[in-house]
Amino acid sequence: MKTQKKLSTKNLVLAAILTALVIILQFMGAFVHFGPFSISLVLIPIVIGAASCGKGIGAWLGFVFGIVVLASGDAAAFLAINPLGTVLTVLLKGTACGFLAGLAYKSLEKTNKTLAVVLAAIVCPLTNTGVFLLGCLAFFMGTIAEWASAFGFENNVAQYMIFVLVGANFLFELLTNIILSPIIVRLLNIRKAN
């Protein structure tokens, strides 16, 4: 029978620091907007935590991200439409992106740690955006169809969702995660070795 790996003091301290970073980056990101949504660097500490401390810490960091999204007013437009749907979508997307990033990292960790971090850095924003889009389909389609029509996408709500709701923000999150997460995890691993 496998025993669960206990968190070391170093991992707990790193998780606490990353939790603070998630909170700070999300609140700061709420002030930097690209179109109707804020630009987010918050997925980087989630990937770092998932790769360095495991999927449980990744899920925790994602959950904290979701709580801060709700508290910062970033989800206000959706809260006005369907509060329960908004809370479920926001908390699920955050928690899932951290948990799945940890699983992705673990799947390649023994083969190639750098590639494992890159995979986690891809999975995190994909999951975050994918669950957001699924939440939109499940809870907000009527309103999103109205928004699409107002933006000239009368006959193609899917195009509106991809190009207006998530397009540039997703690409920014994906690229910054792929570039910065492996570098930061490598630096943390070098520091741990010393």
Protein backbone atom coordinates (compact mmCIF):
# COMPACT_ATOMS: atom_id res chain seq x y z
CA MET A 1 0.00 0.00 0.00
CA LYS A 2 1.31 3.42 -0.97
CA THR A 3 1.64 6.03 1.73
CA GLN A 4 0.83 9.62 0.96
CA LYS A 5 3.77 11.95 0.73
CA LYS A 6 3.71 14.44 3.57
CA LEU A 7 4.35 18.07 2.81
CA SER A 8 7.74 19.25 3.90
CA THR A 9 8.24 22.53 5.71
CA LYS A 10 9.87 23.91 2.54
CA ASN A 11 6.82 22.97 0.47
CA LEU A 12 4.45 24.50 3.01
CA VAL A 13 6.44 27.73 3.04
CA LEU A 14 6.55 27.78 -0.77
CA ALA A 15 2.79 27.12 -0.88
CA ALA A 16 2.19 30.02 1.52
CA ILE A 17 4.34 32.37 -0.56
CA LEU A 18 2.61 31.26 -3.76
CA THR A 19 -0.79 31.74 -2.11
CA ALA A 20 0.16 35.34 -1.32
CA LEU A 21 1.36 35.80 -4.91
CA VAL A 22 -1.91 34.44 -6.29
CA ILE A 23 -3.84 36.95 -4.19
CA ILE A 24 -1.60 39.89 -5.11
CA LEU A 25 -1.41 39.07 -8.82
CA GLN A 26 -5.16 38.57 -9.13
CA PHE A 27 -6.01 41.81 -7.33
CA MET A 28 -3.40 43.70 -9.38
CA GLY A 29 -4.60 42.04 -12.58
CA ALA A 30 -8.12 43.26 -11.91
CA PHE A 31 -6.85 46.77 -12.72
CA VAL A 32 -5.19 45.81 -16.05
CA HIS A 33 -7.83 45.11 -18.69
CA PHE A 34 -7.61 43.85 -22.23
CA GLY A 35 -11.08 44.34 -23.64
CA PRO A 36 -13.73 43.35 -21.10
CA PHE A 37 -11.48 41.03 -19.06
CA SER A 38 -8.39 41.47 -16.95
CA ILE A 39 -4.98 40.18 -17.95
CA SER A 40 -3.88 37.49 -15.57
CA LEU A 41 -0.40 36.39 -14.52
CA VAL A 42 -1.92 34.42 -11.64
CA LEU A 43 -1.69 31.07 -13.42
CA ILE A 44 2.12 31.17 -13.19
CA PRO A 45 2.28 30.65 -9.39
CA ILE A 46 -0.41 27.98 -9.76
CA VAL A 47 1.78 26.06 -12.24
CA ILE A 48 4.85 26.59 -10.05
CA GLY A 49 3.00 25.27 -7.00
CA ALA A 50 1.59 22.30 -8.89
CA ALA A 51 5.03 21.39 -10.25
CA SER A 52 7.01 22.06 -7.07
CA CYS A 53 4.58 20.90 -4.38
CA GLY A 54 2.09 18.60 -6.13
CA LYS A 55 -1.45 18.54 -7.40
CA GLY A 56 -2.99 19.19 -3.97
CA ILE A 57 -1.16 22.50 -3.60
CA GLY A 58 -1.94 23.26 -7.25
CA ALA A 59 -5.64 22.72 -6.52
CA TRP A 60 -5.39 24.88 -3.37
CA LEU A 61 -3.75 27.72 -5.30
CA GLY A 62 -6.41 27.45 -8.02
CA PHE A 63 -9.15 27.55 -5.39
CA VAL A 64 -7.61 30.68 -3.85
CA PHE A 65 -7.48 32.17 -7.37
CA GLY A 66 -11.21 31.50 -7.72
CA ILE A 67 -12.02 33.09 -4.37
CA VAL A 68 -10.04 36.21 -5.29
CA VAL A 69 -11.73 36.42 -8.72
CA LEU A 70 -15.07 36.48 -6.93
CA ALA A 71 -13.87 38.98 -4.30
CA SER A 72 -12.16 41.33 -6.78
CA GLY A 73 -15.26 41.98 -8.85
CA ASP A 74 -13.76 40.33 -11.92
CA ALA A 75 -16.83 38.11 -12.21
CA ALA A 76 -19.38 40.87 -11.48
CA ALA A 77 -21.01 40.75 -14.93
CA PHE A 78 -21.66 37.03 -14.53
CA LEU A 79 -22.67 37.26 -10.85
CA ALA A 80 -25.46 39.63 -11.86
CA ILE A 81 -26.83 37.01 -14.26
CA ASN A 82 -26.49 33.78 -12.28
CA PRO A 83 -24.72 33.93 -8.90
CA LEU A 84 -24.65 30.17 -8.28
CA GLY A 85 -23.48 29.40 -11.83
CA THR A 86 -20.76 32.03 -11.49
CA VAL A 87 -19.46 30.73 -8.15
CA LEU A 88 -19.46 27.12 -9.41
CA THR A 89 -17.72 28.02 -12.66
CA VAL A 90 -15.09 30.27 -11.09
CA LEU A 91 -14.18 27.91 -8.24
CA LEU A 92 -14.21 24.82 -10.47
CA LYS A 93 -12.05 26.39 -13.19
CA GLY A 94 -9.46 27.57 -10.68
CA THR A 95 -9.29 24.37 -8.67
CA ALA A 96 -9.27 22.15 -11.77
CA CYS A 97 -6.52 24.13 -13.53
CA GLY A 98 -4.20 23.72 -10.53
CA PHE A 99 -5.04 20.07 -9.93
CA LEU A 100 -4.70 19.06 -13.59
CA ALA A 101 -1.46 21.04 -13.96
CA GLY A 102 -0.10 18.96 -11.06
CA LEU A 103 -1.23 15.73 -12.73
CA ALA A 104 0.31 16.82 -16.04
CA TYR A 105 3.61 17.60 -14.33
CA LYS A 106 3.61 14.29 -12.47
CA SER A 107 3.00 12.36 -15.71
CA LEU A 108 6.32 13.53 -17.23
CA GLU A 109 8.37 14.39 -14.15
CA LYS A 110 10.51 11.24 -14.25
CA THR A 111 11.13 11.54 -18.00
CA ASN A 112 11.96 15.24 -18.36
CA LYS A 113 11.25 17.84 -15.66
CA THR A 114 11.44 20.81 -18.03
CA LEU A 115 9.00 19.20 -20.45
CA ALA A 116 6.79 18.31 -17.47
CA VAL A 117 6.63 21.98 -16.43
CA VAL A 118 5.88 23.05 -20.01
CA LEU A 119 3.04 20.51 -20.15
CA ALA A 120 1.67 21.79 -16.83
CA ALA A 121 2.01 25.36 -18.15
CA ILE A 122 -0.13 24.39 -21.16
CA VAL A 123 -2.71 22.37 -19.22
CA CYS A 124 -3.34 25.12 -16.65
CA PRO A 125 -4.64 27.86 -19.00
CA LEU A 126 -6.36 25.29 -21.25
CA THR A 127 -8.31 23.98 -18.27
CA ASN A 128 -9.01 27.46 -16.90
CA THR A 129 -10.37 28.64 -20.25
CA GLY A 130 -12.09 25.35 -21.10
CA VAL A 131 -14.04 25.21 -17.83
CA PHE A 132 -14.91 28.91 -18.23
CA LEU A 133 -16.36 28.22 -21.68
CA LEU A 134 -18.27 25.19 -20.38
CA GLY A 135 -19.64 27.35 -17.55
CA CYS A 136 -20.71 29.93 -20.14
CA LEU A 137 -22.54 27.24 -22.10
CA ALA A 138 -24.21 25.82 -19.00
CA PHE A 139 -25.22 29.00 -17.18
CA PHE A 140 -25.00 32.10 -19.38
CA MET A 141 -25.89 31.26 -23.01
CA GLY A 142 -28.91 33.57 -23.23
CA THR A 143 -26.95 36.58 -22.07
CA ILE A 144 -23.88 35.68 -24.10
CA ALA A 145 -26.05 35.41 -27.22
CA GLU A 146 -27.27 38.97 -26.51
CA TRP A 147 -23.68 40.17 -26.03
CA ALA A 148 -22.65 38.43 -29.27
CA SER A 149 -25.45 40.11 -31.15
CA ALA A 150 -24.44 43.52 -29.77
CA PHE A 151 -20.87 42.90 -31.04
CA GLY A 152 -22.10 41.91 -34.52
CA PHE A 153 -21.87 38.14 -34.03
CA GLU A 154 -25.65 37.56 -34.39
CA ASN A 155 -25.37 34.16 -36.06
CA ASN A 156 -22.23 32.86 -34.42
CA VAL A 157 -22.10 32.94 -30.64
CA ALA A 158 -19.20 30.44 -30.66
CA GLN A 159 -17.02 32.90 -32.61
CA TYR A 160 -17.88 35.63 -30.10
CA MET A 161 -16.97 33.37 -27.19
CA ILE A 162 -13.63 32.40 -28.74
CA PHE A 163 -12.55 35.74 -30.19
CA VAL A 164 -14.05 38.24 -27.73
CA LEU A 165 -14.50 36.46 -24.38
CA VAL A 166 -11.30 34.40 -24.27
CA GLY A 167 -9.11 34.95 -27.35
CA ALA A 168 -6.31 37.36 -26.52
CA ASN A 169 -6.42 36.71 -22.77
CA PHE A 170 -6.02 32.96 -23.32
CA LEU A 171 -3.09 33.42 -25.70
CA PHE A 172 -1.39 35.82 -23.28
CA GLU A 173 -1.86 33.40 -20.35
CA LEU A 174 -0.63 30.44 -22.41
CA LEU A 175 2.50 32.16 -23.71
CA THR A 176 3.51 33.70 -20.39
CA ASN A 177 3.00 30.36 -18.65
CA ILE A 178 5.05 28.44 -21.23
CA ILE A 179 7.90 30.96 -21.06
CA LEU A 180 8.05 31.88 -17.35
CA SER A 181 6.93 28.76 -15.47
CA PRO A 182 9.81 26.47 -16.55
CA ILE A 183 12.37 29.18 -15.80
CA ILE A 184 11.01 29.86 -12.32
CA VAL A 185 10.64 26.16 -11.43
CA ARG A 186 14.20 25.53 -12.61
CA LEU A 187 15.47 28.40 -10.45
CA LEU A 188 13.56 27.02 -7.44
CA ASN A 189 15.02 23.56 -8.05
CA ILE A 190 18.55 24.98 -8.26
CA ARG A 191 17.95 26.83 -4.99
CA LYS A 192 16.61 23.64 -3.33
CA ALA A 193 19.74 21.75 -4.39
CA ASN A 194 22.04 24.28 -2.69
